Amino acid sequence: MKSSMNMKANQKGFTLIELVVVIVILGILAVTAAPRFIDVQDDARTATLNAVKASMETASTLVYSKSLIAGNETLAASTVQVNGVDVLIQFGYPVDAGAAGEANWRDDLLDLDPNEFTVDLQNGGIIIRPTDNTAALAGAWPADIRNPAADERNCFVQYRESDVVGNRPFILEVSPCI
């Protein structure tokens, strides 16, 4: 009889209160952490556009370097060869105007997949945005592209060519995709 009582005394387990406390703690962790991991598409779009922005900066610097070598960095209209393709430039940097500017960025400088990115001409510049974000961007584009209001900046990158000798092109900061 004594040995069966010793066995019961040696058996340990969780009480109902301990189990409830653990479940409550797990619930609190799930409620605070889950939203960060559930909708990561917007974060992925933002990160992708930041990569596109960095690629635009690199490409414009490369084109400017080639125009310095060619000696045409002070011309208002010229071309340089990048990977065997003539890229139209203004003051040494790629242009953003018309179909030529659009083709420069989409096909020649960045080689963007049209299924993933849309390249548009807007407000005197090139706009690159995720293709699946078309509906969210159907509204008005920023009136002042160099200083857009927070509600006007949604998931795109814009490039504006250099307008004066010695000025770098303007590439708008990417705002978080929402």
Protein backbone atom coordinates (compact mmCIF):
# COMPACT_ATOMS: atom_id res chain seq x y z
CA MET A 1 0.00 0.00 0.00
CA LYS A 2 2.82 2.31 0.86
CA SER A 3 4.54 1.74 -2.48
CA SER A 4 1.44 2.74 -4.47
CA MET A 5 1.21 6.01 -2.50
CA ASN A 6 4.87 6.72 -3.21
CA MET A 7 4.26 6.24 -6.94
CA LYS A 8 1.42 8.76 -6.90
CA ALA A 9 3.50 11.26 -4.97
CA ASN A 10 6.34 10.98 -7.53
CA GLN A 11 4.03 11.61 -10.49
CA LYS A 12 4.07 15.26 -11.45
CA GLY A 13 1.86 17.07 -13.94
CA PHE A 14 0.48 20.46 -14.88
CA THR A 15 -2.44 21.87 -13.04
CA LEU A 16 -5.40 23.27 -14.91
CA ILE A 17 -4.36 26.81 -13.96
CA GLU A 18 -0.85 26.32 -15.37
CA LEU A 19 -2.28 25.02 -18.65
CA VAL A 20 -4.66 27.99 -18.94
CA VAL A 21 -1.82 30.44 -18.30
CA VAL A 22 0.30 28.83 -21.04
CA ILE A 23 -2.61 28.94 -23.49
CA VAL A 24 -3.24 32.63 -22.70
CA ILE A 25 0.45 33.46 -23.23
CA LEU A 26 0.50 31.61 -26.57
CA GLY A 27 -2.67 33.46 -27.61
CA ILE A 28 -1.11 36.83 -26.80
CA LEU A 29 2.02 35.94 -28.79
CA ALA A 30 -0.09 34.79 -31.74
CA VAL A 31 -2.15 37.99 -31.75
CA THR A 32 0.91 40.26 -31.67
CA ALA A 33 3.19 38.30 -34.01
CA ALA A 34 0.76 36.90 -36.60
CA PRO A 35 -0.08 40.18 -38.38
CA ARG A 36 3.61 40.73 -39.07
CA PHE A 37 3.86 37.47 -40.96
CA ILE A 38 0.43 37.12 -42.53
CA ASP A 39 0.54 40.02 -45.00
CA VAL A 40 4.10 40.31 -46.23
CA GLN A 41 3.17 41.04 -49.86
CA ASP A 42 3.28 44.80 -49.32
CA ASP A 43 6.70 44.52 -47.69
CA ALA A 44 7.92 42.38 -50.58
CA ARG A 45 6.67 44.94 -53.14
CA THR A 46 8.35 47.76 -51.23
CA ALA A 47 11.64 45.85 -51.04
CA THR A 48 11.45 45.02 -54.75
CA LEU A 49 10.86 48.68 -55.65
CA ASN A 50 13.79 49.69 -53.46
CA ALA A 51 15.90 47.26 -55.48
CA VAL A 52 14.56 48.79 -58.72
CA LYS A 53 15.43 52.27 -57.38
CA ALA A 54 18.98 51.14 -56.58
CA SER A 55 19.25 49.63 -60.06
CA MET A 56 18.08 52.93 -61.59
CA GLU A 57 20.73 54.83 -59.65
CA THR A 58 23.41 52.37 -60.73
CA ALA A 59 22.29 52.41 -64.36
CA SER A 60 22.20 56.21 -64.52
CA THR A 61 25.69 56.37 -62.98
CA LEU A 62 26.96 53.81 -65.51
CA VAL A 63 25.45 55.77 -68.40
CA TYR A 64 26.96 59.00 -67.07
CA SER A 65 30.38 57.31 -66.80
CA LYS A 66 30.11 56.17 -70.41
CA SER A 67 29.08 59.66 -71.51
CA LEU A 68 32.08 61.14 -69.67
CA ILE A 69 34.36 58.75 -71.53
CA ALA A 70 32.66 59.66 -74.84
CA GLY A 71 32.89 63.37 -73.99
CA ASN A 72 29.20 64.10 -74.53
CA GLU A 73 28.11 64.75 -70.92
CA THR A 74 27.39 68.43 -71.69
CA LEU A 75 25.15 67.81 -74.70
CA ALA A 76 21.38 68.28 -74.39
CA ALA A 77 20.77 65.29 -76.68
CA SER A 78 23.11 62.45 -77.52
CA THR A 79 23.53 58.69 -77.19
CA VAL A 80 25.90 56.23 -75.57
CA GLN A 81 26.17 52.51 -76.11
CA VAL A 82 25.22 50.22 -73.23
CA ASN A 83 25.43 46.49 -73.90
CA GLY A 84 25.38 47.11 -77.63
CA VAL A 85 22.27 49.34 -77.50
CA ASP A 86 22.19 53.09 -78.09
CA VAL A 87 20.72 54.81 -75.03
CA LEU A 88 19.44 58.36 -75.46
CA ILE A 89 20.96 60.77 -72.95
CA GLN A 90 20.53 64.36 -71.82
CA PHE A 91 23.50 65.99 -70.10
CA GLY A 92 25.07 62.56 -69.70
CA TYR A 93 22.12 60.80 -68.05
CA PRO A 94 19.34 58.66 -69.57
CA VAL A 95 16.30 60.54 -70.84
CA ASP A 96 12.83 60.05 -69.44
CA ALA A 97 10.75 61.57 -72.23
CA GLY A 98 8.63 59.76 -74.79
CA ALA A 99 8.70 56.18 -75.96
CA ALA A 100 12.51 56.29 -76.24
CA GLY A 101 12.87 57.10 -72.55
CA GLU A 102 10.38 54.41 -71.62
CA ALA A 103 12.21 51.84 -73.77
CA ASN A 104 15.56 52.96 -72.30
CA TRP A 105 14.43 51.97 -68.81
CA ARG A 106 12.18 49.00 -69.50
CA ASP A 107 14.24 47.16 -72.10
CA ASP A 108 17.80 48.47 -72.21
CA LEU A 109 18.86 49.62 -68.75
CA LEU A 110 16.81 47.51 -66.32
CA ASP A 111 15.42 44.70 -68.50
CA LEU A 112 12.15 44.63 -66.55
CA ASP A 113 9.68 41.78 -66.95
CA PRO A 114 6.38 43.30 -68.19
CA ASN A 115 4.48 40.67 -66.20
CA GLU A 116 6.01 42.06 -63.00
CA PHE A 117 6.50 45.78 -63.68
CA THR A 118 4.68 48.50 -65.58
CA VAL A 119 6.66 51.42 -66.99
CA ASP A 120 4.62 54.58 -67.64
CA LEU A 121 5.28 58.17 -68.59
CA GLN A 122 3.73 60.43 -65.93
CA ASN A 123 4.29 64.06 -64.89
CA GLY A 124 7.34 64.42 -67.09
CA GLY A 125 9.07 61.32 -65.79
CA ILE A 126 9.27 57.56 -65.92
CA ILE A 127 7.10 55.74 -63.36
CA ILE A 128 7.87 52.09 -62.53
CA ARG A 129 5.38 50.16 -60.42
CA PRO A 130 4.39 46.56 -59.76
CA THR A 131 2.01 45.37 -62.48
CA ASP A 132 -0.41 43.91 -59.94
CA ASN A 133 -0.75 47.29 -58.22
CA THR A 134 -2.50 49.00 -61.15
CA ALA A 135 -5.86 49.48 -59.44
CA ALA A 136 -4.37 51.16 -56.38
CA LEU A 137 -2.52 53.67 -58.56
CA ALA A 138 -5.34 54.58 -60.92
CA GLY A 139 -5.88 57.92 -59.14
CA ALA A 140 -4.02 61.18 -59.56
CA TRP A 141 -0.25 61.25 -59.61
CA PRO A 142 1.59 63.73 -57.42
CA ALA A 143 1.33 67.31 -58.63
CA ASP A 144 4.74 68.14 -57.14
CA ILE A 145 6.76 65.01 -57.83
CA ARG A 146 9.75 66.27 -55.85
CA ASN A 147 7.65 66.65 -52.69
CA PRO A 148 4.50 64.49 -52.91
CA ALA A 149 1.97 64.32 -50.09
CA ALA A 150 2.01 61.06 -48.13
CA ASP A 151 -1.28 59.87 -49.65
CA GLU A 152 0.07 60.44 -53.17
CA ARG A 153 3.04 58.14 -52.74
CA ASN A 154 1.94 54.58 -53.18
CA CYS A 155 4.16 51.87 -54.50
CA PHE A 156 6.12 53.36 -57.37
CA VAL A 157 9.53 54.74 -58.30
CA GLN A 158 9.93 57.77 -60.53
CA TYR A 159 12.93 58.90 -62.56
CA ARG A 160 13.27 62.48 -63.82
CA GLU A 161 16.15 63.22 -66.18
CA SER A 162 18.82 65.81 -65.53
CA ASP A 163 17.68 69.20 -66.77
CA VAL A 164 20.96 71.13 -66.41
CA VAL A 165 24.60 70.26 -67.04
CA GLY A 166 26.09 68.92 -63.82
CA ASN A 167 22.76 68.04 -62.14
CA ARG A 168 22.06 64.43 -61.28
CA PRO A 169 18.70 62.97 -62.27
CA PHE A 170 15.98 62.87 -59.63
CA ILE A 171 14.84 59.45 -58.40
CA LEU A 172 11.89 59.63 -56.01
CA GLU A 173 12.20 57.72 -52.74
CA VAL A 174 10.00 54.64 -52.63
CA SER A 175 7.12 54.92 -50.20
CA PRO A 176 5.88 51.75 -48.52
CA CYS A 177 3.31 49.87 -50.57
CA ILE A 178 -0.05 49.81 -48.83
